[in-house]
Amino acid sequence: MNIVLCGMMGVGKSSVGIQIARKTGRRWYDTDIVISDRHGSISDIFEYYGEAHFRALETEVVRELSDRDDLVISTGGGLVLKSENNELLKKNGRIFFMRASFETLLTRVRADETRPLLKDNGRIADKLRELLFERTPIYEAVADRIVDTDGRTVEEIADEIVALSEGLQ
């Protein structure tokens, strides 16, 4: 059974995923890192091939990882927007929605120039608010459990997810 982390960009899926892997001895994968290792930077993929191509690459990676066992998978922020991805991940995994407030997310992503969906004429706050409004109901619907992250350390969040995952086996 895999532990799958979903949530908005900037919520800490990668940092928490690494910590969960350390605590459990599982292998950690970040879908965005797998894609960029194979195909180049995500910003370049968006710019030259478009978002639809990037989403197809995400599904390719999900197909591959969902067939494996005992992984920690940190997903890209928009990966769960495609129902096929959710079905694949749920076959052999438990999905944890890492939830954070708009203010927390904005603080974390504001300085990150590598987020292609936030390149919106300098209106990062508006775009982030729009994405959060659009995606939160999907994250909540697909998640087996919701974990609030505001004001908590990576270690505290990882400990909670590990404990919850043991109860979901």
Protein backbone atom coordinates (compact mmCIF):
# COMPACT_ATOMS: atom_id res chain seq x y z
CA MET A 1 0.00 0.00 0.00
CA ASN A 2 1.33 3.44 -0.99
CA ILE A 3 1.06 6.72 0.88
CA VAL A 4 0.00 9.45 -1.56
CA LEU A 5 0.23 13.15 -0.71
CA CYS A 6 -1.91 15.69 -2.55
CA GLY A 7 -2.57 19.37 -2.07
CA MET A 8 -1.75 22.80 -3.40
CA MET A 9 1.67 23.88 -4.54
CA GLY A 10 3.65 25.13 -1.58
CA VAL A 11 1.89 22.99 1.04
CA GLY A 12 5.01 20.88 1.67
CA LYS A 13 4.22 17.59 -0.07
CA SER A 14 7.86 17.00 -1.03
CA SER A 15 9.35 17.85 2.37
CA VAL A 16 6.76 15.77 4.20
CA GLY A 17 7.09 12.92 1.70
CA ILE A 18 10.83 12.73 2.26
CA GLN A 19 10.30 12.67 6.03
CA ILE A 20 7.65 9.91 5.79
CA ALA A 21 10.02 7.85 3.65
CA ARG A 22 12.77 8.24 6.25
CA LYS A 23 10.43 7.21 9.06
CA THR A 24 8.95 4.20 7.27
CA GLY A 25 11.79 2.94 5.09
CA ARG A 26 9.68 3.39 1.96
CA ARG A 27 10.96 4.85 -1.30
CA TRP A 28 9.85 8.41 -2.04
CA TYR A 29 8.85 9.74 -5.43
CA ASP A 30 7.72 13.22 -6.41
CA THR A 31 5.77 13.10 -9.67
CA ASP A 32 7.06 16.54 -10.70
CA ILE A 33 10.67 15.48 -10.13
CA VAL A 34 10.18 12.24 -12.09
CA ILE A 35 8.75 14.24 -15.00
CA SER A 36 11.48 16.91 -14.94
CA ASP A 37 14.23 14.26 -14.71
CA ARG A 38 12.83 12.57 -17.82
CA HIS A 39 11.55 15.48 -19.89
CA GLY A 40 13.17 18.73 -18.71
CA SER A 41 11.89 21.56 -16.57
CA ILE A 42 8.18 21.79 -15.92
CA SER A 43 8.20 25.47 -16.91
CA ASP A 44 9.68 24.52 -20.29
CA ILE A 45 7.15 21.71 -20.77
CA PHE A 46 4.29 24.16 -20.10
CA GLU A 47 5.80 26.81 -22.36
CA TYR A 48 6.69 24.63 -25.35
CA TYR A 49 4.12 21.82 -25.20
CA GLY A 50 1.28 23.16 -23.05
CA GLU A 51 -0.49 22.08 -19.91
CA ALA A 52 -2.34 19.20 -21.61
CA HIS A 53 0.97 17.56 -22.54
CA PHE A 54 2.24 17.98 -18.99
CA ARG A 55 -0.96 16.39 -17.61
CA ALA A 56 -0.46 13.42 -19.96
CA LEU A 57 3.08 13.00 -18.62
CA GLU A 58 1.68 13.04 -15.08
CA THR A 59 -0.72 10.21 -15.92
CA GLU A 60 2.14 8.21 -17.44
CA VAL A 61 4.10 8.53 -14.18
CA VAL A 62 1.04 7.69 -12.06
CA ARG A 63 0.45 4.51 -14.08
CA GLU A 64 4.02 3.46 -13.44
CA LEU A 65 4.12 4.29 -9.71
CA SER A 66 0.65 2.97 -8.85
CA ASP A 67 1.70 -0.53 -9.93
CA ARG A 68 4.41 -0.53 -7.25
CA ASP A 69 4.03 -1.03 -3.52
CA ASP A 70 5.27 0.61 -0.30
CA LEU A 71 6.01 3.98 -1.85
CA VAL A 72 5.50 7.53 -0.66
CA ILE A 73 4.25 9.57 -3.62
CA SER A 74 4.18 13.38 -3.54
CA THR A 75 1.91 14.52 -6.35
CA GLY A 76 1.93 17.71 -8.33
CA GLY A 77 -0.73 20.20 -7.26
CA GLY A 78 -2.96 19.59 -10.29
CA LEU A 79 -2.49 15.85 -10.66
CA VAL A 80 -5.76 14.93 -8.91
CA LEU A 81 -7.78 17.07 -11.33
CA LYS A 82 -7.78 14.09 -13.69
CA SER A 83 -10.06 11.32 -12.40
CA GLU A 84 -7.97 8.62 -14.11
CA ASN A 85 -5.02 9.57 -11.90
CA ASN A 86 -7.14 9.29 -8.75
CA GLU A 87 -8.47 5.88 -9.72
CA LEU A 88 -4.95 4.61 -10.38
CA LEU A 89 -3.58 6.02 -7.10
CA LYS A 90 -6.47 4.63 -5.04
CA LYS A 91 -5.95 1.09 -6.41
CA ASN A 92 -2.87 0.66 -4.27
CA GLY A 93 -2.69 3.73 -2.10
CA ARG A 94 -4.20 5.94 0.54
CA ILE A 95 -4.48 9.59 -0.37
CA PHE A 96 -3.78 12.33 2.17
CA PHE A 97 -4.85 15.90 1.39
CA MET A 98 -2.36 18.25 3.01
CA ARG A 99 -4.42 21.38 3.61
CA ALA A 100 -3.04 24.88 4.26
CA SER A 101 -4.59 28.33 4.37
CA PHE A 102 -4.35 30.73 1.46
CA GLU A 103 -2.06 32.99 3.51
CA THR A 104 0.37 30.15 4.27
CA LEU A 105 0.47 29.03 0.64
CA LEU A 106 0.94 32.55 -0.68
CA THR A 107 3.88 33.16 1.64
CA ARG A 108 5.54 29.96 0.44
CA VAL A 109 5.00 30.30 -3.32
CA ARG A 110 5.32 34.06 -3.80
CA ALA A 111 9.10 33.96 -4.29
CA ASP A 112 9.12 30.79 -6.42
CA GLU A 113 9.55 31.73 -10.08
CA THR A 114 9.35 28.10 -11.24
CA ARG A 115 5.56 27.70 -10.83
CA PRO A 116 4.15 27.87 -14.37
CA LEU A 117 0.53 28.25 -13.30
CA LEU A 118 1.40 31.32 -11.24
CA LYS A 119 2.96 33.20 -14.14
CA ASP A 120 -0.08 35.39 -14.58
CA ASN A 121 1.11 38.96 -15.14
CA GLY A 122 2.29 39.38 -11.57
CA ARG A 123 -1.12 38.57 -10.08
CA ILE A 124 0.09 35.62 -8.04
CA ALA A 125 -2.36 36.11 -5.18
CA ASP A 126 -5.38 36.20 -7.49
CA LYS A 127 -4.26 33.12 -9.44
CA LEU A 128 -3.44 31.19 -6.27
CA ARG A 129 -6.85 32.06 -4.78
CA GLU A 130 -8.54 30.88 -7.99
CA LEU A 131 -6.61 27.58 -8.02
CA LEU A 132 -7.30 26.99 -4.33
CA PHE A 133 -11.03 27.61 -4.83
CA GLU A 134 -11.11 25.27 -7.84
CA ARG A 135 -9.00 22.46 -6.41
CA THR A 136 -9.93 22.24 -2.73
CA PRO A 137 -13.25 20.40 -3.31
CA ILE A 138 -11.44 17.89 -5.53
CA TYR A 139 -8.69 17.34 -2.96
CA GLU A 140 -11.31 16.82 -0.25
CA ALA A 141 -13.32 14.40 -2.40
CA VAL A 142 -10.38 12.21 -3.40
CA ALA A 143 -8.66 12.13 0.02
CA ASP A 144 -8.90 9.25 2.43
CA ARG A 145 -7.81 11.68 5.15
CA ILE A 146 -7.26 15.44 5.45
CA VAL A 147 -4.25 16.74 7.36
CA ASP A 148 -4.06 20.42 8.31
CA THR A 149 -0.54 21.81 8.01
CA ASP A 150 -0.72 25.45 9.16
CA GLY A 151 1.63 26.21 12.03
CA ARG A 152 3.04 22.67 12.11
CA THR A 153 6.50 21.30 11.42
CA VAL A 154 7.32 18.82 8.67
CA GLU A 155 8.03 16.23 11.37
CA GLU A 156 4.64 16.74 13.06
CA ILE A 157 2.78 16.42 9.77
CA ALA A 158 4.76 13.34 8.75
CA ASP A 159 4.12 11.68 12.13
CA GLU A 160 0.38 12.28 11.78
CA ILE A 161 0.26 10.85 8.24
CA VAL A 162 2.29 7.79 9.24
CA ALA A 163 -0.07 7.14 12.19
CA LEU A 164 -3.16 7.64 10.01
CA SER A 165 -1.79 5.41 7.25
CA GLU A 166 -1.28 2.55 9.70
CA GLY A 167 -4.96 2.81 10.60
CA LEU A 168 -5.99 2.65 6.93
CA GLN A 169 -4.10 -0.48 5.86
